[in-house]
Amino acid sequence: MEKLTHDDIYTHRQAIKPLRIIVVGAGIAGLSAGLALSRCGHSVTILESSPLLGETGAGIQLAPNATRILRRFGVLSEVMLHTSVLSGVSIRRYNSDKELRNSPMSLSSVDRYGAPMGVIHRGDLHRILLDAARGNSCQILTSHTVVNVDSSPTPKVRVTVGNTNKSFWLTGDIVIAADGIKSICRKQMALAGGYAHKDQPYPTGDAAYRLLIPREKVKHDAQLLAMLDQNVAMRYMGPGGHIMAYPLKGNKLYNMVLIHPSKPNIDTGENVWTATGKRSEMMSFYSSWSPAIRRWLSYAGEEDEEEIPEWTLNMYPPLPRWVWGGVALIGDACHPMLPYVAQGAANGIEDAAVIATALNYTSNVQLALGVYEMVRKERAEKIAASALDTSKSLHLPDGPEQEKRDRSIQGVRQKETAGDSHVADKWRDHQWQDYMWGIDVMRETVDKLAEISAVPMRESERIMSSL
């Protein structure tokens, strides 16, 4: 696969026509969009409903398709200072701790895709993007909640400020809706399109505990310290669930994501995404898993606390459109992703890069937004679907199907050198990795604009009118 060596054609290009751009939401996707667009000369205002800027959460993976873009955004050097570069990933059985496969990550990533790979605390990535956005003159307004969206060719948003009665309309040339899984902009788009009744979250049947265990807690446990220091991601597969675990912050924290069956959720309001889990329930579900896992879990949280945070993993059906007049959805607002292929943040970063690139190569806003949807929608939805498929493979009950899956994972060792590495776990399937990590969406954006420009005018108008 060709290594990318010409970042400068994306890094230093300025917009043909500077625009006033409103970004709704200051999460990773929103800040990425603000940074990318302000670097190109656009005037960017980011509206964030929270009074404070910051990300909670735990570790996330930065795959090559994300780090390639962050390099062009000018922040990769800072990001890598806070990134743990893992040497490999070990895929294991849940109860016996038997290793089915161990494959390299960091070196193969640079060799194969021309960009590094690692894991980082979500809060560190958010802070770096926030500082860079501010440093590139993004105006970031906290306690500013968007309550209404006008999608006319010159779009505007109605904003309320904090707990006051103050509200106003803010107008821009483009509105980029990065307001997350509970997106107001998405809801209004669905209402305007007449499909709001279909655009509802549905349960996947899975939930997640996300744990960060400090090194200090396991300092007297030699086996757990060795796991923390070996710089290897551990992926355990078991009946009805799996665990992903790896070190963060210079091996000072052990990040664990524990997927398990969700409880029947009778709440249809704001709490449909979060719940309060119980330590006893967590320990009960993983009671048949390996002794090392059970010891890690014994160090989770505070000893005298029974409650632990739990996230219900829901999904939305794919949208018919991502662009609505002068409004474009990005990130979780249009393609929420389950964590099984670790592409949620990366795809939000891709969205930001594609919109910025399109606006750098054309002054036609509708053309740029149309190309954004053409380049991103099918790709993001394929990746989201692969995550859902992977969950089924990871959670097989013990039996013939599970044994077949394990043989396919073990068999990859012999097939990798021949270039045939298909495996049920899409995150570790080389062919699927080439699709997720190897495609350069900024280059695809330029190619798509060139393709549209090359066709006769009437045909070009037909293509755009169909969007």
Protein backbone atom coordinates (compact mmCIF):
# COMPACT_ATOMS: atom_id res chain seq x y z
CA MET A 1 0.00 0.00 0.00
CA GLU A 2 1.35 3.44 -0.95
CA LYS A 3 2.66 5.51 1.93
CA LEU A 4 1.31 9.03 2.22
CA THR A 5 4.17 11.53 1.79
CA HIS A 6 2.51 14.73 0.57
CA ASP A 7 0.65 16.06 3.60
CA ASP A 8 1.59 19.61 2.68
CA ILE A 9 -1.03 19.80 -0.09
CA TYR A 10 -3.68 19.41 2.62
CA THR A 11 -1.91 21.12 5.51
CA HIS A 12 -1.24 24.56 4.06
CA ARG A 13 -4.07 25.11 1.60
CA GLN A 14 -6.38 28.04 2.35
CA ALA A 15 -10.09 28.34 1.61
CA ILE A 16 -11.07 29.85 -1.74
CA LYS A 17 -13.79 31.83 0.03
CA PRO A 18 -13.68 32.37 3.82
CA LEU A 19 -17.05 31.58 5.40
CA ARG A 20 -18.87 32.16 8.68
CA ILE A 21 -19.30 28.70 10.15
CA ILE A 22 -21.30 27.71 13.23
CA VAL A 23 -20.35 24.42 14.90
CA VAL A 24 -22.87 22.99 17.37
CA GLY A 25 -21.06 20.97 20.03
CA ALA A 26 -17.51 21.06 21.39
CA GLY A 27 -16.77 17.36 21.60
CA ILE A 28 -14.03 15.65 19.61
CA ALA A 29 -15.87 15.90 16.28
CA GLY A 30 -16.91 19.52 16.84
CA LEU A 31 -13.46 20.68 17.93
CA SER A 32 -11.87 18.79 15.03
CA ALA A 33 -14.19 20.62 12.64
CA GLY A 34 -13.51 23.96 14.28
CA LEU A 35 -9.76 23.42 14.15
CA ALA A 36 -9.71 22.19 10.55
CA LEU A 37 -11.90 25.03 9.27
CA SER A 38 -10.25 27.85 11.21
CA ARG A 39 -6.80 26.73 10.01
CA CYS A 40 -8.06 27.24 6.46
CA GLY A 41 -9.18 30.81 7.09
CA HIS A 42 -12.86 30.43 7.96
CA SER A 43 -14.48 32.31 10.84
CA VAL A 44 -15.69 29.64 13.26
CA THR A 45 -17.99 29.89 16.27
CA ILE A 46 -18.44 26.75 18.38
CA LEU A 47 -21.53 26.58 20.60
CA GLU A 48 -21.40 24.24 23.60
CA SER A 49 -24.35 23.69 25.93
CA SER A 50 -22.23 22.66 28.91
CA PRO A 51 -20.89 25.43 31.16
CA LEU A 52 -17.52 23.69 31.33
CA LEU A 53 -15.31 22.35 28.57
CA GLY A 54 -13.79 18.95 29.08
CA GLU A 55 -14.24 15.25 28.38
CA THR A 56 -14.85 12.53 30.89
CA GLY A 57 -14.63 8.92 29.86
CA ALA A 58 -11.64 6.70 29.48
CA GLY A 59 -9.31 5.44 26.77
CA ILE A 60 -9.93 5.55 23.03
CA GLN A 61 -7.99 4.13 20.13
CA LEU A 62 -6.36 6.41 17.58
CA ALA A 63 -6.09 4.37 14.40
CA PRO A 64 -4.01 5.46 11.37
CA ASN A 65 -7.01 7.02 9.61
CA ALA A 66 -7.26 9.41 12.58
CA THR A 67 -3.56 10.08 13.21
CA ARG A 68 -2.98 10.79 9.50
CA ILE A 69 -5.53 13.61 9.74
CA LEU A 70 -4.31 14.87 13.11
CA ARG A 71 -0.85 15.18 11.55
CA ARG A 72 -2.33 17.44 8.87
CA PHE A 73 -4.19 19.42 11.53
CA GLY A 74 -0.81 20.17 13.12
CA VAL A 75 -1.50 18.48 16.46
CA LEU A 76 -0.14 14.94 16.09
CA SER A 77 3.18 15.66 17.81
CA GLU A 78 1.36 16.87 20.92
CA VAL A 79 -1.13 14.01 20.72
CA MET A 80 1.64 11.41 20.57
CA LEU A 81 3.21 12.80 23.75
CA HIS A 82 0.07 11.60 25.56
CA THR A 83 -0.49 8.44 23.52
CA SER A 84 0.48 4.94 24.58
CA VAL A 85 1.93 3.17 21.55
CA LEU A 86 1.05 -0.46 22.06
CA SER A 87 3.38 -3.14 20.75
CA GLY A 88 0.63 -5.62 20.00
CA VAL A 89 -2.77 -7.08 20.76
CA SER A 90 -3.42 -10.41 22.43
CA ILE A 91 -6.76 -12.12 21.73
CA ARG A 92 -7.70 -14.56 24.49
CA ARG A 93 -10.30 -16.97 25.79
CA TYR A 94 -12.27 -15.57 28.69
CA ASN A 95 -11.88 -18.40 31.23
CA SER A 96 -8.62 -20.18 30.49
CA ASP A 97 -6.66 -17.05 29.50
CA LYS A 98 -5.49 -19.06 26.48
CA GLU A 99 -3.97 -16.80 23.82
CA LEU A 100 -5.49 -17.37 20.38
CA ARG A 101 -3.44 -14.78 18.56
CA ASN A 102 -0.85 -12.10 19.24
CA SER A 103 -0.16 -9.59 16.49
CA PRO A 104 1.91 -6.39 16.30
CA MET A 105 0.24 -2.99 16.18
CA SER A 106 2.52 0.04 16.18
CA LEU A 107 5.28 -0.87 13.71
CA SER A 108 2.93 -2.58 11.28
CA SER A 109 0.67 0.49 11.34
CA VAL A 110 3.39 2.88 10.21
CA ASP A 111 4.75 0.45 7.63
CA ARG A 112 1.38 -0.43 6.16
CA TYR A 113 -0.58 2.82 6.49
CA GLY A 114 2.02 5.56 6.84
CA ALA A 115 0.65 6.77 10.17
CA PRO A 116 1.03 5.70 13.80
CA MET A 117 -1.47 3.96 16.03
CA GLY A 118 -2.01 4.15 19.75
CA VAL A 119 -4.41 4.70 22.63
CA ILE A 120 -5.06 7.91 24.54
CA HIS A 121 -7.30 9.15 27.30
CA ARG A 122 -10.27 10.88 25.70
CA GLY A 123 -9.75 13.89 27.96
CA ASP A 124 -6.18 14.40 26.72
CA LEU A 125 -7.24 14.35 23.06
CA HIS A 126 -10.11 16.74 23.80
CA ARG A 127 -7.82 19.19 25.61
CA ILE A 128 -5.29 19.20 22.76
CA LEU A 129 -7.98 19.85 20.16
CA LEU A 130 -9.53 22.56 22.34
CA ASP A 131 -6.21 24.37 22.79
CA ALA A 132 -5.46 24.12 19.08
CA ALA A 133 -8.92 25.39 18.10
CA ARG A 134 -8.55 28.37 20.40
CA GLY A 135 -5.05 28.96 19.09
CA ASN A 136 -6.49 29.18 15.58
CA SER A 137 -9.02 31.87 16.59
CA CYS A 138 -12.10 29.68 17.06
CA GLN A 139 -14.67 31.46 19.20
CA ILE A 140 -15.98 28.93 21.73
CA LEU A 141 -19.11 29.86 23.68
CA THR A 142 -20.07 27.69 26.66
CA SER A 143 -23.56 27.53 28.22
CA HIS A 144 -24.95 28.22 24.74
CA THR A 145 -27.62 25.66 23.87
CA VAL A 146 -29.07 25.36 20.38
CA VAL A 147 -32.85 24.90 20.59
CA ASN A 148 -33.89 25.51 17.00
CA VAL A 149 -32.30 25.26 13.56
CA ASP A 150 -33.23 27.05 10.34
CA SER A 151 -31.80 25.11 7.40
CA SER A 152 -32.28 27.78 4.74
CA PRO A 153 -29.41 28.45 2.30
CA THR A 154 -28.16 30.99 4.85
CA PRO A 155 -28.74 28.83 7.93
CA LYS A 156 -29.17 30.04 11.48
CA VAL A 157 -29.61 28.60 14.94
CA ARG A 158 -31.62 29.81 17.90
CA VAL A 159 -29.49 29.79 21.04
CA THR A 160 -30.37 30.03 24.73
CA VAL A 161 -27.76 31.13 27.25
CA GLY A 162 -27.35 29.24 30.51
CA ASN A 163 -30.31 29.33 32.87
CA THR A 164 -31.36 32.79 31.73
CA ASN A 165 -34.28 33.76 29.53
CA LYS A 166 -31.87 35.25 27.03
CA SER A 167 -32.02 33.83 23.52
CA PHE A 168 -30.97 34.98 20.08
CA TRP A 169 -30.54 33.84 16.48
CA LEU A 170 -27.03 33.32 15.13
CA THR A 171 -26.56 33.23 11.36
CA GLY A 172 -23.76 31.65 9.36
CA ASP A 173 -22.96 30.39 5.90
CA ILE A 174 -22.92 26.80 7.20
CA VAL A 175 -24.07 25.08 10.38
CA ILE A 176 -22.14 21.94 11.34
CA ALA A 177 -24.11 19.87 13.83
CA ALA A 178 -21.71 17.96 16.07
CA ASP A 179 -24.14 17.76 18.99
CA GLY A 180 -23.73 14.07 19.64
CA ILE A 181 -25.94 11.06 20.13
CA LYS A 182 -28.84 13.17 21.46
CA SER A 183 -28.56 15.68 18.61
CA ILE A 184 -31.24 18.39 18.52
CA CYS A 185 -30.24 19.15 14.93
CA ARG A 186 -30.77 15.53 13.90
CA LYS A 187 -34.21 15.51 15.51
CA GLN A 188 -35.24 18.66 13.67
CA MET A 189 -33.90 17.28 10.39
CA ALA A 190 -35.95 14.11 10.92
CA LEU A 191 -39.08 16.13 11.70
CA ALA A 192 -38.61 18.27 8.60
CA GLY A 193 -38.05 15.17 6.48
CA GLY A 194 -41.09 13.35 7.81
CA TYR A 195 -39.21 10.35 9.22
CA ALA A 196 -38.93 11.29 12.90
CA HIS A 197 -41.08 8.29 13.87
CA LYS A 198 -38.49 5.97 12.30
CA ASP A 199 -35.43 7.77 13.65
CA GLN A 200 -35.49 6.34 17.17
CA PRO A 201 -32.76 4.60 19.17
CA TYR A 202 -33.01 0.85 19.55
CA PRO A 203 -31.25 -1.39 22.08
CA THR A 204 -28.40 -3.63 20.96
CA GLY A 205 -28.71 -5.81 24.06
CA ASP A 206 -25.24 -4.77 25.25
CA ALA A 207 -24.01 -2.44 27.97
CA ALA A 208 -20.53 -1.38 29.09
CA TYR A 209 -18.63 -0.75 32.28
CA ARG A 210 -15.67 1.55 31.68
CA LEU A 211 -12.98 1.31 34.34
CA LEU A 212 -9.73 3.19 34.95
CA ILE A 213 -7.62 1.43 37.56
CA PRO A 214 -4.61 3.37 38.95
CA ARG A 215 -1.23 1.67 39.08
CA GLU A 216 -1.03 2.46 42.78
CA LYS A 217 -3.85 0.02 43.52
CA VAL A 218 -2.07 -3.00 42.02
CA LYS A 219 1.50 -2.20 43.06
CA HIS A 220 1.66 -5.32 45.25
CA ASP A 221 0.29 -7.68 42.58
CA ALA A 222 3.20 -8.83 40.41
CA GLN A 223 1.05 -10.42 37.67
CA LEU A 224 -1.18 -7.37 37.21
CA LEU A 225 1.83 -5.03 37.23
CA ALA A 226 3.39 -7.15 34.50
CA MET A 227 0.20 -6.86 32.43
CA LEU A 228 0.20 -3.10 32.95
CA ASP A 229 3.83 -2.76 31.89
CA GLN A 230 3.87 -5.00 28.83
CA ASN A 231 2.20 -2.40 26.54
CA VAL A 232 -0.11 -4.94 24.95
CA ALA A 233 -3.85 -4.62 24.41
CA MET A 234 -5.80 -7.58 25.79
CA ARG A 235 -9.05 -8.66 24.11
CA TYR A 236 -10.96 -11.36 25.99
CA MET A 237 -13.93 -13.09 24.33
CA GLY A 238 -16.63 -14.89 26.28
CA PRO A 239 -20.29 -15.91 26.24
CA GLY A 240 -22.43 -12.79 26.05
CA GLY A 241 -19.58 -10.34 26.50
CA HIS A 242 -15.98 -9.35 26.00
CA ILE A 243 -13.30 -7.17 27.57
CA MET A 244 -10.84 -4.74 25.98
CA ALA A 245 -8.00 -3.62 28.24
CA TYR A 246 -4.77 -1.64 27.80
CA PRO A 247 -2.47 0.77 29.69
CA LEU A 248 -2.79 4.57 29.51
CA LYS A 249 -0.82 7.62 30.59
CA GLY A 250 2.61 6.04 30.63
CA ASN A 251 1.35 2.83 32.26
CA LYS A 252 -0.09 4.76 35.21
CA LEU A 253 -3.66 3.63 34.46
CA TYR A 254 -5.21 0.39 33.24
CA ASN A 255 -8.20 1.04 30.99
CA MET A 256 -10.86 -1.66 30.85
CA VAL A 257 -14.05 -1.70 28.78
CA LEU A 258 -16.30 -4.55 29.88
CA ILE A 259 -19.16 -5.42 27.55
CA HIS A 260 -22.03 -7.44 29.00
CA PRO A 261 -25.77 -7.95 28.46
CA SER A 262 -27.80 -4.85 29.22
CA LYS A 263 -30.65 -4.87 31.69
CA PRO A 264 -34.16 -4.39 30.27
CA ASN A 265 -34.48 -0.62 30.02
CA ILE A 266 -37.87 0.81 30.77
CA ASP A 267 -36.64 4.40 30.66
CA THR A 268 -37.40 6.13 27.37
CA GLY A 269 -36.11 9.54 28.47
CA GLU A 270 -32.67 11.06 28.87
CA ASN A 271 -31.33 8.12 30.90
CA VAL A 272 -31.78 5.62 28.08
CA TRP A 273 -28.01 5.91 27.43
CA THR A 274 -26.72 5.71 31.01
CA ALA A 275 -27.56 3.66 34.06
CA THR A 276 -26.21 2.96 37.50
CA GLY A 277 -24.59 -0.43 37.66
CA LYS A 278 -23.77 -2.46 40.73
CA ARG A 279 -20.38 -3.85 41.61
CA SER A 280 -22.00 -7.10 42.74
CA GLU A 281 -23.66 -7.51 39.32
CA MET A 282 -20.36 -6.88 37.54
CA MET A 283 -18.50 -9.39 39.70
CA SER A 284 -21.28 -11.93 39.22
CA PHE A 285 -21.27 -11.74 35.41
CA TYR A 286 -17.48 -12.11 35.20
CA SER A 287 -17.23 -14.70 37.99
CA SER A 288 -16.31 -17.49 35.53
CA TRP A 289 -13.67 -15.40 33.75
CA SER A 290 -9.94 -15.77 34.38
CA PRO A 291 -8.47 -15.11 37.84
CA ALA A 292 -6.46 -12.16 36.50
CA ILE A 293 -9.61 -10.45 35.24
CA ARG A 294 -11.40 -11.01 38.53
CA ARG A 295 -8.46 -9.50 40.41
CA TRP A 296 -8.48 -6.44 38.17
CA LEU A 297 -12.18 -5.97 38.83
CA SER A 298 -11.65 -6.24 42.57
CA TYR A 299 -9.62 -3.01 42.35
CA ALA A 300 -12.29 -1.08 40.44
CA GLY A 301 -13.76 2.03 42.08
CA GLU A 302 -13.88 2.47 45.83
CA GLU A 303 -14.17 -0.60 48.03
CA ASP A 304 -17.11 0.75 50.02
CA GLU A 305 -19.12 1.80 46.96
CA GLU A 306 -21.61 -0.58 45.35
CA GLU A 307 -22.64 1.68 42.47
CA ILE A 308 -20.54 2.02 39.32
CA PRO A 309 -21.35 3.82 36.05
CA GLU A 310 -22.81 1.73 33.27
CA TRP A 311 -23.52 2.72 29.67
CA THR A 312 -26.36 1.20 27.67
CA LEU A 313 -25.22 0.62 24.08
CA ASN A 314 -28.03 1.72 21.79
CA MET A 315 -28.01 2.43 18.07
CA TYR A 316 -29.90 4.52 15.55
CA PRO A 317 -30.93 3.38 12.07
CA PRO A 318 -28.98 5.00 9.20
CA LEU A 319 -30.30 8.39 8.13
CA PRO A 320 -31.52 9.02 4.58
CA ARG A 321 -29.53 12.28 4.52
CA TRP A 322 -26.74 13.98 6.43
CA VAL A 323 -27.13 17.39 4.79
CA TRP A 324 -30.21 19.59 5.22
CA GLY A 325 -29.96 22.86 3.33
CA GLY A 326 -27.01 24.67 4.89
CA VAL A 327 -26.81 22.24 7.83
CA ALA A 328 -24.50 19.19 7.92
CA LEU A 329 -24.46 16.53 10.62
CA ILE A 330 -21.13 15.07 11.73
CA GLY A 331 -19.88 12.58 14.32
CA ASP A 332 -22.28 10.76 16.60
CA ALA A 333 -25.07 13.06 15.43
CA CYS A 334 -25.22 11.12 12.16
CA HIS A 335 -23.26 7.87 12.62
CA PRO A 336 -23.15 6.65 16.23
CA MET A 337 -20.86 3.64 16.50
CA LEU A 338 -20.55 0.76 18.88
CA PRO A 339 -17.03 0.39 20.33
CA TYR A 340 -16.18 -3.01 18.84
CA VAL A 341 -14.00 -1.72 15.98
CA ALA A 342 -12.81 1.39 17.88
CA GLN A 343 -13.71 3.88 15.14
CA GLY A 344 -16.13 6.35 16.75
CA ALA A 345 -13.71 9.21 17.37
CA ALA A 346 -11.73 8.48 14.20
CA ASN A 347 -14.81 8.78 12.02
CA GLY A 348 -15.80 12.07 13.63
CA ILE A 349 -12.30 13.34 12.80
CA GLU A 350 -12.74 12.09 9.23
CA ASP A 351 -16.00 14.05 8.94
CA ALA A 352 -14.24 17.25 9.99
CA ALA A 353 -11.39 16.67 7.55
CA VAL A 354 -13.68 16.03 4.59
CA ILE A 355 -15.82 19.14 5.13
CA ALA A 356 -12.73 21.32 5.52
CA THR A 357 -11.08 19.80 2.43
CA ALA A 358 -14.20 20.22 0.29
CA LEU A 359 -14.52 23.88 1.29
CA ASN A 360 -10.84 24.41 0.44
CA TYR A 361 -11.34 23.29 -3.15
CA THR A 362 -14.66 24.92 -4.02
CA SER A 363 -16.48 28.11 -3.05
CA ASN A 364 -19.83 26.42 -3.79
CA VAL A 365 -21.21 25.55 -0.34
CA GLN A 366 -23.88 23.13 -1.58
CA LEU A 367 -21.34 21.33 -3.75
CA ALA A 368 -18.95 21.03 -0.80
CA LEU A 369 -21.64 19.67 1.53
CA GLY A 370 -22.89 17.30 -1.16
CA VAL A 371 -19.40 15.92 -1.67
CA TYR A 372 -19.01 15.56 2.10
CA GLU A 373 -22.10 13.35 2.18
CA MET A 374 -20.97 11.33 -0.85
CA VAL A 375 -17.51 10.65 0.57
CA ARG A 376 -18.52 9.99 4.15
CA LYS A 377 -22.01 8.53 4.47
CA GLU A 378 -21.59 5.09 2.90
CA ARG A 379 -18.16 4.59 4.44
CA ALA A 380 -19.18 5.53 7.99
CA GLU A 381 -22.32 3.42 7.82
CA LYS A 382 -20.34 0.39 6.63
CA ILE A 383 -17.93 0.77 9.53
CA ALA A 384 -20.81 1.19 12.00
CA ALA A 385 -22.44 -1.98 10.62
CA SER A 386 -19.16 -3.89 10.96
CA ALA A 387 -19.05 -3.00 14.64
CA LEU A 388 -22.52 -4.44 15.15
CA ASP A 389 -21.55 -7.63 13.29
CA THR A 390 -18.35 -7.96 15.33
CA SER A 391 -20.29 -7.88 18.60
CA LYS A 392 -22.14 -11.03 17.56
CA SER A 393 -18.88 -12.83 16.84
CA LEU A 394 -17.17 -11.75 20.06
CA HIS A 395 -20.05 -12.85 22.29
CA LEU A 396 -20.72 -16.37 21.04
CA PRO A 397 -21.65 -18.94 23.69
CA ASP A 398 -19.27 -21.86 24.17
CA GLY A 399 -19.89 -24.45 21.50
CA PRO A 400 -19.31 -25.30 17.82
CA GLU A 401 -19.67 -21.72 16.50
CA GLN A 402 -17.29 -20.39 19.13
CA GLU A 403 -14.77 -23.13 18.32
CA LYS A 404 -15.01 -22.29 14.62
CA ARG A 405 -14.44 -18.61 15.39
CA ASP A 406 -11.41 -19.40 17.54
CA ARG A 407 -9.92 -21.60 14.82
CA SER A 408 -10.35 -18.78 12.31
CA ILE A 409 -8.51 -16.39 14.64
CA GLN A 410 -5.70 -18.89 15.23
CA GLY A 411 -5.56 -19.69 11.51
CA VAL A 412 -4.78 -16.09 10.66
CA ARG A 413 -1.23 -16.65 11.86
CA GLN A 414 -0.61 -18.99 8.95
CA LYS A 415 -2.55 -16.92 6.42
CA GLU A 416 -1.14 -13.44 7.13
CA THR A 417 1.99 -13.93 5.06
CA ALA A 418 -0.12 -14.96 2.09
CA GLY A 419 -2.26 -11.84 2.37
CA ASP A 420 -5.38 -13.80 3.29
CA SER A 421 -6.32 -12.78 6.80
CA HIS A 422 -10.11 -12.79 6.94
CA VAL A 423 -11.30 -13.24 10.52
CA ALA A 424 -14.65 -12.88 12.28
CA ASP A 425 -13.33 -10.13 14.56
CA LYS A 426 -13.41 -7.21 12.12
CA TRP A 427 -11.12 -5.09 14.30
CA ARG A 428 -8.30 -7.60 13.65
CA ASP A 429 -9.21 -8.52 10.05
CA HIS A 430 -6.44 -7.20 7.78
CA GLN A 431 -8.74 -6.74 4.81
CA TRP A 432 -11.16 -4.71 6.91
CA GLN A 433 -8.28 -2.81 8.52
CA ASP A 434 -7.19 -1.76 5.03
CA TYR A 435 -10.66 -0.32 4.51
CA MET A 436 -10.96 1.36 7.92
CA TRP A 437 -7.38 2.55 8.32
CA GLY A 438 -5.92 2.71 4.83
CA ILE A 439 -8.37 4.96 2.99
CA ASP A 440 -7.35 8.62 2.85
CA VAL A 441 -10.67 10.47 2.98
CA MET A 442 -9.09 13.86 2.27
CA ARG A 443 -7.62 12.53 -0.96
CA GLU A 444 -10.96 10.92 -1.81
CA THR A 445 -12.64 14.30 -1.32
CA VAL A 446 -10.34 16.00 -3.80
CA ASP A 447 -10.84 13.13 -6.25
CA LYS A 448 -14.63 13.34 -5.93
CA LEU A 449 -14.61 17.10 -6.56
CA ALA A 450 -12.42 16.56 -9.62
CA GLU A 451 -14.75 13.82 -10.85
CA ILE A 452 -17.80 16.07 -10.55
CA SER A 453 -15.98 18.97 -12.19
CA ALA A 454 -15.00 16.78 -15.13
CA VAL A 455 -18.54 15.71 -16.07
CA PRO A 456 -20.72 17.90 -18.30
CA MET A 457 -22.55 20.72 -16.49
CA ARG A 458 -26.03 19.24 -16.81
CA GLU A 459 -24.85 15.88 -15.49
CA SER A 460 -23.07 17.63 -12.61
CA GLU A 461 -26.26 19.49 -11.73
CA ARG A 462 -28.19 16.20 -11.81
CA ILE A 463 -25.73 14.59 -9.42
CA MET A 464 -25.97 17.48 -6.97
CA SER A 465 -29.75 17.75 -7.18
CA SER A 466 -30.06 14.08 -6.24
CA LEU A 467 -28.27 14.68 -2.95
